[in-house]
N, C-alpha and C. Protein backbone atom coordinates (compact mmCIF):
# COMPACT_ATOMS: atom_id res chain seq x y z
N UNK A 1 0.91 -1.21 0.02
CA UNK A 1 0.03 0.08 0.12
C UNK A 1 0.85 1.27 0.03
N UNK A 2 0.63 2.11 -0.74
CA UNK A 2 1.32 3.53 -0.89
C UNK A 2 0.91 4.47 0.10
N UNK A 3 1.77 5.00 0.94
CA UNK A 3 1.44 6.04 1.96
C UNK A 3 0.78 7.27 1.07
N UNK A 4 -0.07 7.97 1.80
CA UNK A 4 -0.72 9.19 1.25
C UNK A 4 0.37 10.16 0.81
N UNK A 5 1.40 10.32 1.49
CA UNK A 5 2.41 11.42 1.21
C UNK A 5 3.08 10.96 -0.12
N UNK A 6 3.40 9.65 -0.40
CA UNK A 6 4.00 9.29 -1.56
C UNK A 6 2.99 9.47 -2.85
N UNK A 7 1.81 9.06 -2.57
CA UNK A 7 0.77 9.32 -3.53
C UNK A 7 0.73 10.79 -4.06
N UNK A 8 0.70 11.67 -3.01
CA UNK A 8 0.57 13.02 -3.27
C UNK A 8 1.75 13.58 -4.12
N UNK A 9 3.00 13.02 -3.88
CA UNK A 9 4.23 13.37 -4.52
C UNK A 9 3.98 12.89 -6.09
N UNK A 10 3.53 11.76 -6.15
CA UNK A 10 3.52 11.14 -7.63
C UNK A 10 2.43 11.96 -8.37
N UNK A 11 1.27 12.32 -7.61
CA UNK A 11 0.34 13.17 -8.34
C UNK A 11 0.85 14.43 -8.72
N UNK A 12 1.63 15.07 -7.92
CA UNK A 12 2.23 16.39 -8.05
C UNK A 12 3.27 16.21 -9.37
N UNK A 13 3.93 15.19 -9.41
CA UNK A 13 4.79 14.94 -10.54
C UNK A 13 4.04 14.92 -11.85
N UNK A 14 2.99 14.19 -11.84
CA UNK A 14 2.22 14.10 -13.14
C UNK A 14 1.72 15.51 -13.46
N UNK A 15 1.28 16.33 -12.57
CA UNK A 15 0.86 17.76 -12.94
C UNK A 15 2.04 18.41 -13.38
N UNK A 16 3.28 18.32 -12.85
CA UNK A 16 4.44 19.13 -13.49
C UNK A 16 4.58 18.52 -14.96
N UNK A 17 4.52 17.27 -15.24
CA UNK A 17 4.72 16.78 -16.62
C UNK A 17 3.68 17.26 -17.44
N UNK A 18 2.42 17.43 -17.00
CA UNK A 18 1.46 17.98 -17.74
C UNK A 18 1.69 19.46 -18.13
N UNK A 19 2.27 20.17 -17.12
CA UNK A 19 2.58 21.56 -17.38
C UNK A 19 3.65 21.77 -18.33
N UNK A 20 4.55 20.94 -18.38
CA UNK A 20 5.66 20.87 -19.42
C UNK A 20 5.14 20.59 -20.81
N UNK A 21 4.11 19.60 -20.91
CA UNK A 21 3.61 19.36 -22.22
C UNK A 21 2.85 20.51 -22.67
N UNK A 22 2.20 21.28 -21.88
CA UNK A 22 1.37 22.40 -22.34
C UNK A 22 2.29 23.61 -22.86
N UNK A 23 3.57 23.55 -22.43
CA UNK A 23 4.59 24.62 -22.87
C UNK A 23 5.17 24.21 -24.22
N UNK A 24 5.03 22.92 -24.65
CA UNK A 24 5.68 22.72 -25.93
C UNK A 24 4.89 23.02 -27.06
N UNK A 25 5.46 23.75 -28.02
CA UNK A 25 4.81 24.10 -29.34
C UNK A 25 5.35 23.35 -30.35
N UNK A 26 4.45 22.75 -31.09
CA UNK A 26 4.94 22.02 -32.36
C UNK A 26 5.19 22.99 -33.43
N UNK A 27 6.34 23.23 -33.87
CA UNK A 27 6.76 24.10 -34.84
C UNK A 27 6.69 23.51 -36.20
N UNK A 28 7.17 22.26 -36.36
CA UNK A 28 7.10 21.58 -37.52
C UNK A 28 7.22 20.03 -37.25
N UNK A 29 7.02 19.25 -38.23
CA UNK A 29 7.07 17.74 -37.87
C UNK A 29 8.47 17.46 -37.24
N UNK A 30 8.34 16.84 -36.15
CA UNK A 30 9.56 16.41 -35.39
C UNK A 30 10.28 17.65 -34.69
N UNK A 31 9.79 18.85 -34.72
CA UNK A 31 10.51 19.89 -34.08
C UNK A 31 9.48 20.65 -33.07
N UNK A 32 9.81 20.45 -31.85
CA UNK A 32 8.90 21.11 -30.80
C UNK A 32 9.76 22.13 -30.04
N UNK A 33 9.30 23.12 -29.61
CA UNK A 33 10.07 24.21 -29.02
C UNK A 33 9.29 24.43 -27.62
N UNK A 34 10.05 24.61 -26.52
CA UNK A 34 9.64 24.99 -25.30
C UNK A 34 9.21 26.38 -25.26
N UNK A 35 8.08 26.85 -24.96
CA UNK A 35 7.71 28.38 -25.06
C UNK A 35 8.37 29.15 -24.05
N UNK A 36 9.05 28.62 -23.01
CA UNK A 36 9.91 29.33 -22.14
C UNK A 36 11.08 29.78 -22.63
N UNK A 37 11.52 29.14 -23.82
CA UNK A 37 12.71 29.51 -24.53
C UNK A 37 12.58 30.52 -25.67
N UNK A 38 11.41 30.94 -25.93
CA UNK A 38 11.28 31.83 -27.01
C UNK A 38 11.59 33.29 -26.51
N UNK A 39 12.47 33.97 -27.22
CA UNK A 39 12.83 35.27 -26.88
C UNK A 39 11.97 36.34 -27.63
N UNK A 40 11.88 36.01 -29.02
CA UNK A 40 11.11 36.94 -29.84
C UNK A 40 10.49 36.32 -30.93
N UNK A 41 9.28 36.95 -31.38
CA UNK A 41 8.50 36.51 -32.60
C UNK A 41 8.46 37.70 -33.55
N UNK A 42 9.06 37.43 -34.78
CA UNK A 42 8.93 38.44 -35.83
C UNK A 42 7.98 38.00 -36.94
N UNK A 43 7.05 38.75 -37.24
CA UNK A 43 6.17 38.37 -38.39
C UNK A 43 6.32 39.35 -39.56
N UNK A 44 6.45 38.87 -40.66
CA UNK A 44 6.46 39.81 -41.90
C UNK A 44 5.76 39.18 -43.16
N UNK A 45 5.50 40.04 -44.07
CA UNK A 45 4.85 39.48 -45.34
C UNK A 45 5.79 39.80 -46.36
N UNK A 46 6.04 38.73 -47.25
CA UNK A 46 6.90 38.73 -48.39
C UNK A 46 5.96 39.02 -49.60
N UNK A 47 5.79 40.33 -49.94
CA UNK A 47 4.82 40.57 -51.15
C UNK A 47 5.23 39.92 -52.36
N UNK A 48 6.47 39.89 -52.71
CA UNK A 48 6.97 39.41 -53.92
C UNK A 48 6.68 37.86 -54.09
N UNK A 49 6.61 37.07 -52.94
CA UNK A 49 6.32 35.65 -53.00
C UNK A 49 4.84 35.42 -52.55
N UNK A 50 4.27 36.40 -51.82
CA UNK A 50 2.89 36.29 -51.49
C UNK A 50 2.74 35.32 -50.27
N UNK A 51 3.80 35.37 -49.38
CA UNK A 51 3.76 34.53 -48.16
C UNK A 51 3.97 35.26 -46.92
N UNK A 52 3.57 34.61 -45.78
CA UNK A 52 3.92 35.22 -44.45
C UNK A 52 5.01 34.49 -43.70
N UNK A 53 5.89 35.10 -43.14
CA UNK A 53 6.98 34.55 -42.48
C UNK A 53 6.91 34.77 -40.99
N UNK A 54 6.94 33.85 -40.13
CA UNK A 54 7.01 33.89 -38.62
C UNK A 54 8.43 33.47 -38.32
N UNK A 55 9.21 34.27 -37.69
CA UNK A 55 10.56 33.96 -37.24
C UNK A 55 10.46 33.86 -35.87
N UNK A 56 10.76 32.70 -35.18
CA UNK A 56 11.11 32.52 -33.80
C UNK A 56 12.41 32.54 -33.25
N UNK A 57 12.83 33.47 -32.50
CA UNK A 57 14.20 33.53 -31.94
C UNK A 57 14.08 32.80 -30.57
N UNK A 58 14.97 31.94 -30.23
CA UNK A 58 14.94 31.16 -28.98
C UNK A 58 16.31 30.77 -28.52
N UNK A 59 16.36 30.45 -27.21
CA UNK A 59 17.53 30.03 -26.70
C UNK A 59 17.54 28.53 -26.39
N UNK A 60 18.35 27.73 -27.00
CA UNK A 60 18.48 26.31 -26.91
C UNK A 60 18.95 25.97 -25.56
N UNK A 61 18.67 24.83 -25.04
CA UNK A 61 19.04 24.37 -23.72
C UNK A 61 20.45 24.39 -23.50
N UNK A 62 21.16 23.77 -24.43
CA UNK A 62 22.60 23.36 -24.31
C UNK A 62 23.59 24.46 -24.95
N UNK A 63 22.95 25.53 -25.58
CA UNK A 63 23.90 26.51 -26.24
C UNK A 63 23.73 27.87 -25.65
N UNK A 64 24.81 28.52 -25.59
CA UNK A 64 24.84 29.89 -24.99
C UNK A 64 24.10 30.96 -25.90
N UNK A 65 24.30 30.76 -27.24
CA UNK A 65 23.73 31.75 -28.16
C UNK A 65 22.38 31.37 -28.56
N UNK A 66 21.59 32.33 -29.30
CA UNK A 66 20.22 32.08 -29.56
C UNK A 66 20.12 31.41 -30.91
N UNK A 67 19.01 30.69 -31.18
CA UNK A 67 18.76 30.10 -32.47
C UNK A 67 17.69 30.75 -33.12
N UNK A 68 17.35 30.52 -34.36
CA UNK A 68 16.22 31.12 -35.05
C UNK A 68 15.61 30.09 -35.94
N UNK A 69 14.29 30.14 -35.93
CA UNK A 69 13.51 29.21 -36.74
C UNK A 69 12.67 30.01 -37.73
N UNK A 70 12.54 29.88 -38.87
CA UNK A 70 11.48 30.58 -39.86
C UNK A 70 10.56 29.68 -40.35
N UNK A 71 9.26 29.93 -40.14
CA UNK A 71 8.25 29.17 -40.58
C UNK A 71 7.51 30.01 -41.66
N UNK A 72 7.17 29.42 -42.83
CA UNK A 72 6.56 30.06 -43.86
C UNK A 72 5.14 29.63 -44.05
N UNK A 73 4.12 30.66 -44.28
CA UNK A 73 2.80 30.29 -44.42
C UNK A 73 2.38 30.96 -45.80
N UNK A 74 1.42 30.11 -46.41
CA UNK A 74 0.90 30.59 -47.76
C UNK A 74 -0.18 31.58 -47.58
N UNK A 75 -0.75 31.58 -46.41
CA UNK A 75 -1.98 32.58 -46.21
C UNK A 75 -1.84 33.29 -44.92
N UNK A 76 -2.52 34.34 -44.88
CA UNK A 76 -2.54 35.10 -43.48
C UNK A 76 -3.29 34.25 -42.51
N UNK A 77 -4.31 33.66 -42.87
CA UNK A 77 -4.96 32.82 -41.94
C UNK A 77 -4.15 31.68 -41.25
N UNK A 78 -3.41 30.94 -42.04
CA UNK A 78 -2.54 29.99 -41.56
C UNK A 78 -1.52 30.61 -40.45
N UNK A 79 -0.95 31.80 -40.79
CA UNK A 79 -0.10 32.42 -39.89
C UNK A 79 -0.82 32.85 -38.60
N UNK A 80 -1.89 33.40 -38.78
CA UNK A 80 -2.64 33.78 -37.55
C UNK A 80 -2.96 32.59 -36.71
N UNK A 81 -3.41 31.39 -37.26
CA UNK A 81 -3.72 30.19 -36.47
C UNK A 81 -2.46 29.68 -35.75
N UNK A 82 -1.34 29.79 -36.35
CA UNK A 82 -0.04 29.49 -35.74
C UNK A 82 0.22 30.41 -34.56
N UNK A 83 0.11 31.69 -34.78
CA UNK A 83 0.29 32.64 -33.67
C UNK A 83 -0.69 32.50 -32.62
N UNK A 84 -1.91 32.18 -32.81
CA UNK A 84 -2.95 32.11 -31.74
C UNK A 84 -2.54 30.81 -31.00
N UNK A 85 -2.17 29.75 -31.66
CA UNK A 85 -1.70 28.48 -30.82
C UNK A 85 -0.51 28.93 -29.96
N UNK A 86 0.38 29.69 -30.48
CA UNK A 86 1.57 30.07 -29.74
C UNK A 86 1.22 30.80 -28.55
N UNK A 87 0.24 31.78 -28.82
CA UNK A 87 -0.18 32.69 -27.70
C UNK A 87 -0.91 31.76 -26.59
N UNK A 88 -1.59 30.74 -26.95
CA UNK A 88 -2.30 30.02 -26.00
C UNK A 88 -1.32 29.13 -25.28
N UNK A 89 -0.30 28.83 -25.84
CA UNK A 89 0.70 27.83 -25.11
C UNK A 89 1.52 28.76 -24.17
N UNK A 90 1.71 30.06 -24.54
CA UNK A 90 2.60 30.90 -23.65
C UNK A 90 1.74 31.30 -22.40
N UNK A 91 0.42 31.58 -22.59
CA UNK A 91 -0.50 31.98 -21.43
C UNK A 91 -0.97 30.72 -20.84
């Protein structure tokens, strides 16, 4: 039989893991980013190509310098959906 204090610790651990999952943002297939590591988000429209670019500047866990990831969307709606998802994960 598990003592109540041990059960409470295990339950708390599950809550911590759930919180960590909520902070992960799927940026691309196989690439997830912890929202706590995001430094800046830059959004721009490339009129010549007709696309929207979202640049995420982030700090990797094991590297002292920042990294950058650019995601390209073919429509404004797709870019807005991604930014809304990012906003929900951060808050």
